Protein backbone atom coordinates (compact mmCIF):
# COMPACT_ATOMS: atom_id res chain seq x y z
CA MET A 1 -36.87 48.85 -73.75
CA ALA A 2 -39.14 45.59 -74.66
CA GLY A 3 -35.81 43.32 -73.45
CA TYR A 4 -35.11 42.65 -77.05
CA GLN A 5 -31.64 42.54 -78.65
CA ALA A 6 -30.60 44.43 -82.08
CA VAL A 7 -29.36 41.68 -84.38
CA GLU A 8 -27.15 42.74 -87.63
CA VAL A 9 -27.97 40.39 -90.26
CA PRO A 10 -24.35 40.74 -92.99
CA SER A 11 -25.27 41.87 -96.67
CA ASP A 12 -24.07 38.96 -99.34
CA GLU A 13 -21.91 39.39 -102.11
CA ARG A 14 -24.03 41.17 -104.41
CA GLY A 15 -25.06 43.72 -101.54
CA ASN A 16 -28.11 42.42 -100.42
CA ILE A 17 -29.44 41.29 -97.25
CA ASP A 18 -27.94 37.79 -96.79
CA LEU A 19 -30.92 35.34 -97.34
CA ALA A 20 -29.63 32.25 -95.53
CA ARG A 21 -28.10 33.78 -92.51
CA LEU A 22 -31.27 35.52 -92.15
CA LYS A 23 -33.13 32.63 -92.48
CA GLU A 24 -30.95 31.17 -90.02
CA LEU A 25 -32.14 34.37 -87.36
CA CYS A 26 -35.43 33.69 -87.64
CA ASP A 27 -37.18 31.95 -85.47
CA GLU A 28 -39.84 32.63 -82.45
CA THR A 29 -38.07 35.50 -80.73
CA VAL A 30 -38.16 36.98 -83.30
CA ALA A 31 -39.93 40.63 -83.34
CA GLY A 32 -39.46 42.00 -86.67
CA ILE A 33 -36.58 43.56 -89.04
CA MET A 34 -36.35 46.82 -90.65
CA ILE A 35 -35.38 47.34 -94.20
CA THR A 36 -33.83 50.30 -96.33
CA ASN A 37 -34.86 49.33 -99.49
CA PRO A 38 -33.38 50.57 -102.17
CA ASN A 39 -30.37 49.96 -99.12
CA THR A 40 -27.38 52.03 -98.25
CA LEU A 41 -25.54 51.48 -100.93
CA GLY A 42 -27.42 52.15 -103.09
CA LEU A 43 -29.24 48.94 -104.18
CA PHE A 44 -31.92 47.32 -104.79
CA GLU A 45 -32.30 44.10 -102.64
CA GLU A 46 -32.97 41.45 -105.32
CA GLN A 47 -35.08 38.91 -102.91
CA ILE A 48 -36.88 41.61 -100.66
CA LEU A 49 -39.98 39.10 -101.75
CA GLN A 50 -38.11 36.14 -100.09
CA VAL A 51 -36.73 38.29 -96.79
CA ILE A 52 -40.12 40.03 -95.69
CA GLU A 53 -41.77 36.22 -96.45
CA THR A 54 -39.31 34.79 -94.28
CA ILE A 55 -39.88 37.53 -91.55
CA HIS A 56 -43.40 37.09 -91.44
CA GLY A 57 -43.44 33.11 -91.34
CA CYS A 58 -41.43 33.19 -87.83
CA GLY A 59 -44.41 35.88 -86.75
CA GLY A 60 -42.06 39.11 -87.09
CA LEU A 61 -43.26 42.65 -88.87
CA VAL A 62 -40.82 44.26 -91.23
CA TYR A 63 -40.39 47.87 -90.72
CA GLY A 64 -38.83 50.21 -93.62
CA ASP A 65 -36.87 53.14 -93.73
CA GLY A 66 -38.19 55.18 -96.27
CA ALA A 67 -34.97 57.39 -96.32
CA ASN A 68 -34.28 55.89 -100.52
CA LEU A 69 -37.52 56.64 -101.78
CA ASN A 70 -35.97 58.95 -104.25
CA ALA A 71 -35.28 55.63 -106.34
CA ILE A 72 -39.09 53.91 -106.18
CA MET A 73 -41.61 56.91 -105.93
CA GLY A 74 -44.76 56.21 -108.66
CA VAL A 75 -42.64 52.91 -109.46
CA VAL A 76 -42.51 50.26 -106.28
CA LYS A 77 -45.30 50.10 -103.37
CA PRO A 78 -43.66 49.18 -100.06
CA GLY A 79 -47.19 48.11 -99.07
CA ASP A 80 -47.13 45.94 -101.99
CA LEU A 81 -43.90 44.59 -101.06
CA GLY A 82 -45.66 43.50 -97.69
CA PHE A 83 -44.07 46.15 -95.48
CA ASP A 84 -46.00 46.46 -92.14
CA VAL A 85 -44.61 50.03 -91.06
CA MET A 86 -42.85 52.73 -92.63
CA HIS A 87 -41.57 56.06 -91.94
CA PHE A 88 -40.94 58.68 -94.98
CA ASN A 89 -38.16 60.91 -94.64
CA LEU A 90 -39.38 64.38 -96.19
CA HIS A 91 -35.99 66.06 -95.90
CA LYS A 92 -34.49 63.29 -98.47
CA THR A 93 -36.90 63.26 -100.82
CA PHE A 94 -39.75 65.98 -100.55
CA SER A 95 -37.88 68.74 -100.07
CA THR A 96 -37.94 69.79 -96.72
CA PRO A 97 -35.02 71.09 -94.73
CA HIS A 98 -33.15 68.86 -92.10
CA GLY A 99 -30.92 69.49 -89.27
CA GLY A 100 -29.07 72.75 -89.25
CA GLY A 101 -31.61 73.98 -91.94
CA GLY A 102 -34.48 73.59 -90.01
CA PRO A 103 -36.55 70.66 -87.87
CA GLY A 104 -36.90 67.03 -89.33
CA ALA A 105 -40.42 65.70 -89.91
CA GLY A 106 -42.14 62.49 -91.54
CA PRO A 107 -45.15 60.57 -91.50
CA VAL A 108 -45.16 56.71 -90.38
CA GLY A 109 -47.43 54.43 -92.48
CA ALA A 110 -48.80 51.26 -91.32
CA GLY A 111 -50.64 47.91 -93.01
CA ALA A 112 -53.44 46.26 -91.94
CA ALA A 113 -51.30 43.87 -89.25
CA LEU A 114 -51.10 47.36 -87.01
CA LYS A 115 -54.24 49.30 -87.85
CA ASN A 116 -55.77 48.77 -84.66
CA PHE A 117 -52.43 49.58 -82.74
CA LEU A 118 -51.61 52.86 -83.80
CA PRO A 119 -51.40 56.03 -81.53
CA GLY A 120 -54.29 57.94 -81.33
CA PRO A 121 -56.85 59.69 -82.41
CA VAL A 122 -56.87 58.66 -86.02
CA VAL A 123 -59.33 60.58 -88.75
CA ALA A 124 -61.80 58.37 -89.73
CA LEU A 125 -65.34 59.15 -91.78
CA ALA A 126 -68.29 59.40 -89.77
CA ALA A 127 -71.09 56.49 -89.96
CA GLY A 128 -73.22 57.68 -92.98
CA GLY A 129 -70.72 60.36 -94.14
CA SER A 130 -70.03 59.87 -98.24
CA ALA A 131 -65.77 60.20 -99.09
CA ALA A 132 -67.43 60.72 -102.56
CA GLY A 133 -69.01 64.11 -101.31
CA ALA A 134 -65.29 65.71 -100.41
CA SER A 135 -63.67 65.04 -103.75
CA ALA A 136 -66.94 65.31 -106.12
CA GLY A 137 -68.49 68.56 -103.95
CA SER A 138 -72.03 69.45 -103.55
CA ALA A 139 -73.83 72.90 -104.65
CA ASP A 140 -76.02 72.31 -101.89
CA PRO A 141 -74.27 72.63 -98.09
CA GLY A 142 -76.29 70.00 -96.98
CA GLN A 143 -76.17 67.56 -99.53
CA ASN A 144 -73.73 64.89 -100.31
CA GLN A 145 -70.77 66.12 -97.86
CA ALA A 146 -68.34 64.12 -96.05
CA VAL A 147 -67.98 64.22 -92.09
CA TYR A 148 -65.03 63.11 -90.39
CA THR A 149 -64.05 62.37 -86.84
CA LEU A 150 -61.54 61.53 -84.50
CA VAL A 151 -61.46 58.06 -83.17
CA GLN A 152 -58.88 55.91 -81.19
CA PRO A 153 -58.16 52.40 -82.24
CA SER A 154 -59.03 49.19 -80.79
CA GLN A 155 -55.96 48.66 -79.26
CA SER A 156 -54.15 51.93 -79.37
CA ILE A 157 -50.82 52.95 -77.33
CA GLY A 158 -52.81 56.09 -76.80
CA ARG A 159 -51.65 59.51 -78.07
CA LEU A 160 -48.30 61.09 -78.89
CA LYS A 161 -46.92 64.21 -77.38
CA SER A 162 -46.88 66.53 -80.98
CA PHE A 163 -49.92 65.26 -82.46
CA ASN A 164 -49.36 67.57 -85.49
CA GLY A 165 -45.34 66.73 -85.41
CA ASN A 166 -43.47 70.05 -87.22
CA PHE A 167 -46.48 71.44 -89.55
CA GLY A 168 -44.38 73.98 -91.46
CA VAL A 169 -42.43 71.08 -92.74
CA LEU A 170 -45.30 68.15 -93.35
CA VAL A 171 -47.19 71.64 -95.27
CA ARG A 172 -44.31 72.27 -97.10
CA ALA A 173 -43.85 67.97 -98.35
CA TYR A 174 -47.36 68.21 -99.41
CA THR A 175 -46.97 71.43 -100.98
CA TYR A 176 -44.61 69.57 -103.05
CA PHE A 177 -47.17 66.61 -103.19
CA ILE A 178 -49.53 68.01 -105.05
CA THR A 179 -47.13 69.88 -107.36
CA MET A 180 -45.42 67.53 -108.80
CA GLY A 181 -48.38 65.23 -109.31
CA GLY A 182 -47.97 61.49 -109.52
CA ASN A 183 -46.35 61.43 -112.39
CA GLY A 184 -43.63 63.96 -111.46
CA LEU A 185 -42.28 61.79 -108.57
CA ARG A 186 -42.12 59.13 -110.77
CA ASP A 187 -40.42 61.20 -113.43
CA ALA A 188 -37.83 62.61 -110.11
CA SER A 189 -37.21 58.60 -109.63
CA GLU A 190 -36.36 58.18 -113.12
CA ASN A 191 -33.63 60.74 -113.53
CA ALA A 192 -32.82 60.07 -110.03
CA VAL A 193 -31.35 56.79 -111.15
CA LEU A 194 -30.55 58.00 -114.45
CA SER A 195 -27.85 60.41 -112.91
CA ALA A 196 -26.44 57.78 -110.59
CA ASN A 197 -25.76 55.70 -113.40
CA TYR A 198 -24.67 57.87 -115.50
CA LEU A 199 -22.28 59.23 -113.24
CA MET A 200 -20.91 55.86 -112.02
CA SER A 201 -20.29 54.82 -115.41
CA LEU A 202 -17.97 58.40 -116.12
CA VAL A 203 -15.93 57.34 -113.25
CA LYS A 204 -16.09 53.80 -112.57
CA ASP A 205 -12.92 53.29 -114.06
CA ILE A 206 -10.85 55.46 -111.45
CA LEU A 207 -13.52 54.97 -108.42
CA PRO A 208 -15.19 51.57 -108.93
CA PRO A 209 -18.43 50.88 -107.62
CA TRP A 210 -18.09 48.73 -104.62
CA TYR A 211 -20.57 46.09 -105.93
CA GLU A 212 -20.52 45.67 -109.63
CA ARG A 213 -24.27 46.01 -110.34
CA SER A 214 -26.39 49.03 -111.36
CA CYS A 215 -27.26 51.11 -108.77
CA MET A 216 -30.66 53.29 -107.79
CA HIS A 217 -30.11 56.78 -106.78
CA GLU A 218 -26.65 56.58 -105.83
CA PHE A 219 -23.74 54.66 -105.43
CA VAL A 220 -20.98 53.46 -103.11
CA THR A 221 -16.98 53.37 -104.24
CA SER A 222 -14.29 53.86 -102.44
CA ALA A 223 -11.18 55.64 -102.45
CA GLN A 224 -8.71 52.64 -100.99
CA ASN A 225 -6.83 52.18 -104.18
CA LEU A 226 -5.77 55.76 -104.74
CA ALA A 227 -2.28 56.68 -104.01
CA ASP A 228 -0.02 55.82 -101.00
CA GLY A 229 -1.28 58.24 -98.40
CA ILE A 230 -4.26 59.32 -99.83
CA HIS A 231 -7.69 58.82 -98.01
CA THR A 232 -11.46 59.44 -98.63
CA MET A 233 -11.09 62.63 -97.03
CA ASP A 234 -8.36 64.35 -98.86
CA LEU A 235 -10.58 63.40 -101.79
CA ALA A 236 -13.31 65.40 -100.45
CA LYS A 237 -11.79 68.03 -99.05
CA ARG A 238 -10.11 68.57 -102.55
CA LEU A 239 -13.40 68.60 -104.09
CA ILE A 240 -14.03 71.59 -102.41
CA ASP A 241 -11.46 73.59 -104.27
CA TYR A 242 -13.52 72.64 -107.57
CA GLY A 243 -16.28 74.46 -106.25
CA PHE A 244 -18.41 70.80 -105.36
CA HIS A 245 -19.68 70.41 -101.79
CA PRO A 246 -18.16 66.68 -100.88
CA PRO A 247 -20.50 64.12 -101.23
CA THR A 248 -20.89 61.60 -97.94
CA VAL A 249 -17.80 60.33 -97.05
CA TYR A 250 -17.11 56.73 -94.90
CA PHE A 251 -20.78 55.63 -95.12
CA PRO A 252 -21.95 52.87 -94.92
CA LEU A 253 -19.46 51.64 -92.43
CA ILE A 254 -19.44 47.98 -94.26
CA VAL A 255 -17.12 50.07 -97.13
CA PRO A 256 -13.39 51.17 -96.58
CA GLU A 257 -12.85 54.58 -97.30
CA ALA A 258 -16.00 54.88 -98.69
CA LEU A 259 -17.74 57.58 -100.95
CA MET A 260 -21.49 57.61 -101.43
CA VAL A 261 -22.66 59.65 -104.41
CA GLU A 262 -25.96 60.91 -104.58
CA PRO A 263 -26.22 63.40 -107.68
CA THR A 264 -30.54 63.43 -107.13
CA GLU A 265 -32.93 64.45 -110.02
CA THR A 266 -31.93 68.19 -110.20
CA GLU A 267 -28.40 67.99 -111.22
CA SER A 268 -28.26 68.86 -115.21
CA VAL A 269 -26.27 66.99 -117.47
CA GLU A 270 -23.68 69.42 -117.17
CA ILE A 271 -23.05 69.70 -113.72
CA ILE A 272 -22.45 65.76 -113.40
CA ASP A 273 -19.99 65.78 -116.38
CA ALA A 274 -18.24 68.87 -114.63
CA PHE A 275 -18.23 66.83 -111.64
CA ALA A 276 -16.76 63.60 -113.12
CA ALA A 277 -14.14 65.60 -114.69
CA ALA A 278 -12.83 66.76 -111.11
CA LEU A 279 -12.85 63.78 -110.03
CA ARG A 280 -10.41 62.35 -112.68
CA SER A 281 -8.30 65.70 -112.30
CA ILE A 282 -8.01 65.23 -108.17
CA VAL A 283 -7.28 61.00 -108.67
CA HIS A 284 -4.13 62.06 -111.08
CA GLU A 285 -3.25 65.30 -108.65
CA SER A 286 -3.27 62.05 -106.27
CA GLU A 287 -0.50 60.52 -107.82
CA THR A 288 1.60 63.57 -109.12
CA ASP A 289 1.12 66.37 -106.10
CA PRO A 290 -0.19 64.32 -103.09
CA GLU A 291 0.58 67.30 -100.60
CA LEU A 292 -1.80 69.01 -102.64
CA LEU A 293 -4.99 67.09 -101.61
CA HIS A 294 -3.64 66.68 -98.05
CA GLU A 295 -3.80 70.47 -97.53
CA ALA A 296 -6.86 70.65 -98.78
CA PRO A 297 -9.23 72.38 -99.44
CA HIS A 298 -6.92 76.15 -100.32
CA ARG A 299 -9.71 78.42 -101.67
CA GLU A 300 -11.93 78.76 -98.18
CA MET A 301 -11.33 81.06 -95.11
CA VAL A 302 -10.44 77.86 -93.24
CA SER A 303 -8.61 74.47 -93.81
CA ARG A 304 -8.84 71.20 -92.03
CA LEU A 305 -11.55 71.91 -88.99
CA ASP A 306 -11.58 69.95 -86.11
CA GLU A 307 -15.25 67.96 -86.82
CA VAL A 308 -15.62 66.41 -83.37
CA LEU A 309 -14.84 69.23 -81.83
CA ALA A 310 -17.62 71.07 -84.19
CA VAL A 311 -20.07 69.01 -83.18
CA LYS A 312 -19.42 69.36 -79.27
CA LYS A 313 -18.83 73.35 -79.26
CA PRO A 314 -20.45 74.71 -82.14
CA VAL A 315 -19.66 78.47 -82.82
CA LEU A 316 -23.07 79.87 -83.75
CA LYS A 317 -21.89 83.19 -85.05
CA SER A 318 -20.62 85.02 -87.45
CA ILE A 319 -16.81 86.00 -88.03
CA ARG A 320 -15.94 89.31 -89.08
CA THR A 321 -12.55 89.45 -90.98
CA GLU A 322 -11.12 92.58 -92.51
CA ARG A 323 -8.96 91.88 -95.87
CA LEU A 324 -5.69 94.48 -95.99
């Protein structure tokens, strides 16, 4: 809308942003870059400081996609890395529903470089107020009480239409924050990373990771080396027969026959072991009985659906069935 073009920066041989290519692209025309870190390959950007320094060096800003905070909460502060603005996906990391399960919502945080340009009004401590009073409290209501007010940043773009956002979703996430606490959030990240690396180690001989590195909260593998005629979708549909909801398929787009697996911090070691065993069994079936996979799932009311049509013309009502 501002007359800019989106330019793709490729990945290098280790799955990082190609720093050499980025430097070639950086000049006075660059407004900024959007980065997901860890990235969609489930890898931490090893040269993130150099990437941010390069963008700042040509006058650009760095926008962070917080989709993968599940890997770094309590471990790394994006602001300390140099991100100028970042959104936080409450539906991926902080327990809230999204899409068919409810409205998405999430805060956007900004650093000092953008402070004066934020949409308003924003909450600020009133002149003469004490922030300590808000946390410490006082027996005397008239003493040491913090007073807040709404102010408009000096170069604000103005009000946003939805000032409070999806309030119920935000309250749920806030409840999650205060229930977990700082240590709990860090534990969640550490367990998510541990789960993903453990699962990757169990299946890497049959479904090798696309990049041979330790992953973060998720890893990406490919079904391109399975038996002839077997695709990622066949493997995913067969997982349903084993009682598992399939992982994300065909994403990220740069990996052929991609399978993106994210066990998160909530799965037990027994479930992860069972999932790995199911994958092993399915890979074996792909070699001995490929039609079993082509026709999967076999234990559901419906089998292969036209997913494109389902999105365009959804049937949002229950279907009653009678068993003879």
